[in-house]
Amino acid sequence: MKNNHHDIFRDDLWSLTSYNSEGPDSFTAVVKFNTRHRIFDAHFPESPVVPGACILQITTELMSHHLSLPVIMKEARNIKFTSIINPLHHNEVEFSFRISDADAGSKDASVTVSSGTTVFVKISARFGKA
């Protein structure tokens, strides 16, 4: 069951394994992928890859969870994909957030998506109320 109507992929493509808030300015969340999700039938059947757009949506859904209100990614300032996420090899990944206040009603976040020493994505983005 989804938390709210803004959770497009939660409990479908991914589920929350753990969530650790380190105060209002940082948190980590471990996400487990559903390797049988239909998206992997097309992306790609023999060697599944979590699409970049899905990683950004998961990031937004996790930010909404942390802030307890629906948010959108207003601006992606920098996104660096350093390695692909094959859910058969990395079924659980960690999203680490560092958050700061931005303009009125917005939050800036630096996000690292990783598993162990492997970094998949680094994101710098601004989030605001949906």
C-alpha atoms as a PDB file:
ATOM      1  CA  MET A   1       0.000   0.000   0.000  1.00  0.00           C
ATOM      2  CA  LYS A   2       1.360   3.399  -0.971  1.00  0.00           C
ATOM      3  CA  ASN A   3       1.865   6.167   1.593  1.00  0.00           C
ATOM      4  CA  ASN A   4       0.158   8.815  -0.542  1.00  0.00           C
ATOM      5  CA  HIS A   5      -0.739   9.558  -4.139  1.00  0.00           C
ATOM      6  CA  HIS A   6       2.775  10.904  -4.792  1.00  0.00           C
ATOM      7  CA  ASP A   7       4.399   7.516  -4.132  1.00  0.00           C
ATOM      8  CA  ILE A   8       4.471   6.188  -7.672  1.00  0.00           C
ATOM      9  CA  PHE A   9       6.939   3.321  -7.170  1.00  0.00           C
ATOM     10  CA  ARG A  10       6.923   2.615  -3.430  1.00  0.00           C
ATOM     11  CA  ASP A  11       5.760  -0.913  -2.604  1.00  0.00           C
ATOM     12  CA  ASP A  12       5.792  -1.709  -6.321  1.00  0.00           C
ATOM     13  CA  LEU A  13       9.256  -1.144  -7.810  1.00  0.00           C
ATOM     14  CA  TRP A  14      10.882  -0.698  -4.406  1.00  0.00           C
ATOM     15  CA  SER A  15      10.230  -1.076  -0.703  1.00  0.00           C
ATOM     16  CA  LEU A  16      11.760   0.651   2.282  1.00  0.00           C
ATOM     17  CA  THR A  17      14.023  -1.737   4.209  1.00  0.00           C
ATOM     18  CA  SER A  18      15.316   0.776   6.753  1.00  0.00           C
ATOM     19  CA  TYR A  19      15.089   4.465   7.508  1.00  0.00           C
ATOM     20  CA  ASN A  20      17.373   6.326   9.895  1.00  0.00           C
ATOM     21  CA  SER A  21      16.781  10.012  10.506  1.00  0.00           C
ATOM     22  CA  GLU A  22      19.779  11.824  11.919  1.00  0.00           C
ATOM     23  CA  GLY A  23      17.715  14.941  12.624  1.00  0.00           C
ATOM     24  CA  PRO A  24      16.039  17.346  10.208  1.00  0.00           C
ATOM     25  CA  ASP A  25      19.185  17.804   8.107  1.00  0.00           C
ATOM     26  CA  SER A  26      20.156  14.235   7.230  1.00  0.00           C
ATOM     27  CA  PHE A  27      18.839  10.732   6.868  1.00  0.00           C
ATOM     28  CA  THR A  28      19.598   7.422   5.240  1.00  0.00           C
ATOM     29  CA  ALA A  29      17.174   4.982   3.685  1.00  0.00           C
ATOM     30  CA  VAL A  30      17.834   1.485   2.414  1.00  0.00           C
ATOM     31  CA  VAL A  31      15.687   0.525  -0.552  1.00  0.00           C
ATOM     32  CA  LYS A  32      15.072  -3.015  -1.814  1.00  0.00           C
ATOM     33  CA  PHE A  33      14.143  -3.467  -5.464  1.00  0.00           C
ATOM     34  CA  ASN A  34      11.416  -5.773  -6.745  1.00  0.00           C
ATOM     35  CA  THR A  35      13.430  -7.722  -9.324  1.00  0.00           C
ATOM     36  CA  ARG A  36      10.198  -9.036 -10.868  1.00  0.00           C
ATOM     37  CA  HIS A  37       8.825  -5.576 -11.610  1.00  0.00           C
ATOM     38  CA  ARG A  38       7.571  -5.180 -15.176  1.00  0.00           C
ATOM     39  CA  ILE A  39       9.939  -2.274 -15.850  1.00  0.00           C
ATOM     40  CA  PHE A  40      12.835  -4.743 -16.030  1.00  0.00           C
ATOM     41  CA  ASP A  41      11.096  -6.637 -18.855  1.00  0.00           C
ATOM     42  CA  ALA A  42      12.016  -3.704 -21.072  1.00  0.00           C
ATOM     43  CA  HIS A  43      15.020  -2.261 -19.227  1.00  0.00           C
ATOM     44  CA  PHE A  44      16.643  -4.820 -19.881  1.00  0.00           C
ATOM     45  CA  PRO A  45      15.426  -8.442 -19.899  1.00  0.00           C
ATOM     46  CA  GLU A  46      18.791 -10.198 -19.772  1.00  0.00           C
ATOM     47  CA  SER A  47      20.594  -7.613 -17.662  1.00  0.00           C
ATOM     48  CA  PRO A  48      18.149  -5.420 -15.713  1.00  0.00           C
ATOM     49  CA  VAL A  49      19.072  -1.822 -14.940  1.00  0.00           C
ATOM     50  CA  VAL A  50      17.179   0.576 -12.665  1.00  0.00           C
ATOM     51  CA  PRO A  51      16.352   3.530 -14.942  1.00  0.00           C
ATOM     52  CA  GLY A  52      17.796   6.898 -13.970  1.00  0.00           C
ATOM     53  CA  ALA A  53      14.345   8.496 -13.995  1.00  0.00           C
ATOM     54  CA  CYS A  54      13.197   5.892 -11.468  1.00  0.00           C
ATOM     55  CA  ILE A  55      16.165   6.680  -9.196  1.00  0.00           C
ATOM     56  CA  LEU A  56      15.160  10.358  -9.268  1.00  0.00           C
ATOM     57  CA  GLN A  57      11.535   9.483  -8.489  1.00  0.00           C
ATOM     58  CA  ILE A  58      12.617   7.254  -5.581  1.00  0.00           C
ATOM     59  CA  THR A  59      14.759  10.139  -4.304  1.00  0.00           C
ATOM     60  CA  THR A  60      11.701  12.416  -4.391  1.00  0.00           C
ATOM     61  CA  GLU A  61       9.512   9.824  -2.666  1.00  0.00           C
ATOM     62  CA  LEU A  62      12.100   9.379   0.093  1.00  0.00           C
ATOM     63  CA  MET A  63      12.334  13.154   0.574  1.00  0.00           C
ATOM     64  CA  SER A  64       8.528  13.291   0.886  1.00  0.00           C
ATOM     65  CA  HIS A  65       8.692  10.503   3.476  1.00  0.00           C
ATOM     66  CA  HIS A  66      11.332  12.352   5.497  1.00  0.00           C
ATOM     67  CA  LEU A  67       9.517  15.701   5.419  1.00  0.00           C
ATOM     68  CA  SER A  68       6.087  14.084   5.945  1.00  0.00           C
ATOM     69  CA  LEU A  69       4.630  16.060   3.059  1.00  0.00           C
ATOM     70  CA  PRO A  70       4.425  15.591  -0.697  1.00  0.00           C
ATOM     71  CA  VAL A  71       7.296  17.268  -2.547  1.00  0.00           C
ATOM     72  CA  ILE A  72       8.484  17.556  -6.117  1.00  0.00           C
ATOM     73  CA  MET A  73      11.994  17.903  -7.452  1.00  0.00           C
ATOM     74  CA  LYS A  74      11.932  21.537  -8.555  1.00  0.00           C
ATOM     75  CA  GLU A  75      15.464  21.619  -9.910  1.00  0.00           C
ATOM     76  CA  ALA A  76      18.149  19.022 -10.539  1.00  0.00           C
ATOM     77  CA  ARG A  77      21.357  20.993 -10.232  1.00  0.00           C
ATOM     78  CA  ASN A  78      23.801  18.179 -10.766  1.00  0.00           C
ATOM     79  CA  ILE A  79      23.306  14.468 -11.366  1.00  0.00           C
ATOM     80  CA  LYS A  80      26.275  12.188 -11.819  1.00  0.00           C
ATOM     81  CA  PHE A  81      25.627   8.547 -12.689  1.00  0.00           C
ATOM     82  CA  THR A  82      28.830   6.673 -11.880  1.00  0.00           C
ATOM     83  CA  SER A  83      27.639   3.059 -12.085  1.00  0.00           C
ATOM     84  CA  ILE A  84      24.489   1.209 -13.145  1.00  0.00           C
ATOM     85  CA  ILE A  85      22.229  -0.461 -10.596  1.00  0.00           C
ATOM     86  CA  ASN A  86      21.549  -4.028 -11.653  1.00  0.00           C
ATOM     87  CA  PRO A  87      18.958  -5.154  -9.080  1.00  0.00           C
ATOM     88  CA  LEU A  88      20.091  -8.773  -9.432  1.00  0.00           C
ATOM     89  CA  HIS A  89      23.567  -7.783  -8.183  1.00  0.00           C
ATOM     90  CA  HIS A  90      22.612  -4.888  -5.892  1.00  0.00           C
ATOM     91  CA  ASN A  91      19.123  -5.652  -4.655  1.00  0.00           C
ATOM     92  CA  GLU A  92      19.405  -3.205  -1.765  1.00  0.00           C
ATOM     93  CA  VAL A  93      20.943   0.254  -2.061  1.00  0.00           C
ATOM     94  CA  GLU A  94      21.336   3.101   0.382  1.00  0.00           C
ATOM     95  CA  PHE A  95      20.184   6.660  -0.249  1.00  0.00           C
ATOM     96  CA  SER A  96      22.059   9.140   1.982  1.00  0.00           C
ATOM     97  CA  PHE A  97      20.616  12.663   2.217  1.00  0.00           C
ATOM     98  CA  ARG A  98      22.170  15.905   3.473  1.00  0.00           C
ATOM     99  CA  ILE A  99      19.538  18.664   3.545  1.00  0.00           C
ATOM    100  CA  SER A 100      19.673  22.446   3.888  1.00  0.00           C
ATOM    101  CA  ASP A 101      17.104  25.220   3.707  1.00  0.00           C
ATOM    102  CA  ALA A 102      16.820  27.003   0.381  1.00  0.00           C
ATOM    103  CA  ASP A 103      14.391  29.741  -0.601  1.00  0.00           C
ATOM    104  CA  ALA A 104      10.973  29.999   1.024  1.00  0.00           C
ATOM    105  CA  GLY A 105       9.413  26.567   1.290  1.00  0.00           C
ATOM    106  CA  SER A 106      12.218  24.757  -0.523  1.00  0.00           C
ATOM    107  CA  LYS A 107      14.969  22.401   0.588  1.00  0.00           C
ATOM    108  CA  ASP A 108      18.271  21.645  -1.091  1.00  0.00           C
ATOM    109  CA  ALA A 109      19.582  18.100  -0.847  1.00  0.00           C
ATOM    110  CA  SER A 110      22.791  16.314  -1.684  1.00  0.00           C
ATOM    111  CA  VAL A 111      22.049  12.648  -2.180  1.00  0.00           C
ATOM    112  CA  THR A 112      24.392   9.704  -2.637  1.00  0.00           C
ATOM    113  CA  VAL A 113      23.042   6.357  -3.805  1.00  0.00           C
ATOM    114  CA  SER A 114      25.404   3.506  -2.968  1.00  0.00           C
ATOM    115  CA  SER A 115      25.926  -0.081  -1.883  1.00  0.00           C
ATOM    116  CA  GLY A 116      29.022  -0.714   0.180  1.00  0.00           C
ATOM    117  CA  THR A 117      31.897   1.050  -1.572  1.00  0.00           C
ATOM    118  CA  THR A 118      30.058   1.286  -4.909  1.00  0.00           C
ATOM    119  CA  VAL A 119      28.568   4.711  -5.594  1.00  0.00           C
ATOM    120  CA  PHE A 120      25.859   4.651  -8.256  1.00  0.00           C
ATOM    121  CA  VAL A 121      24.590   8.212  -8.323  1.00  0.00           C
ATOM    122  CA  LYS A 122      25.292  11.601  -6.768  1.00  0.00           C
ATOM    123  CA  ILE A 123      22.459  14.104  -6.919  1.00  0.00           C
ATOM    124  CA  SER A 124      22.219  17.762  -5.996  1.00  0.00           C
ATOM    125  CA  ALA A 125      18.626  18.972  -6.206  1.00  0.00           C
ATOM    126  CA  ARG A 126      16.050  21.399  -4.876  1.00  0.00           C
ATOM    127  CA  PHE A 127      12.729  20.131  -3.563  1.00  0.00           C
ATOM    128  CA  GLY A 128       9.525  22.038  -2.885  1.00  0.00           C
ATOM    129  CA  LYS A 129       5.950  21.362  -1.890  1.00  0.00           C
ATOM    130  CA  ALA A 130       3.934  19.499  -4.477  1.00  0.00           C
END
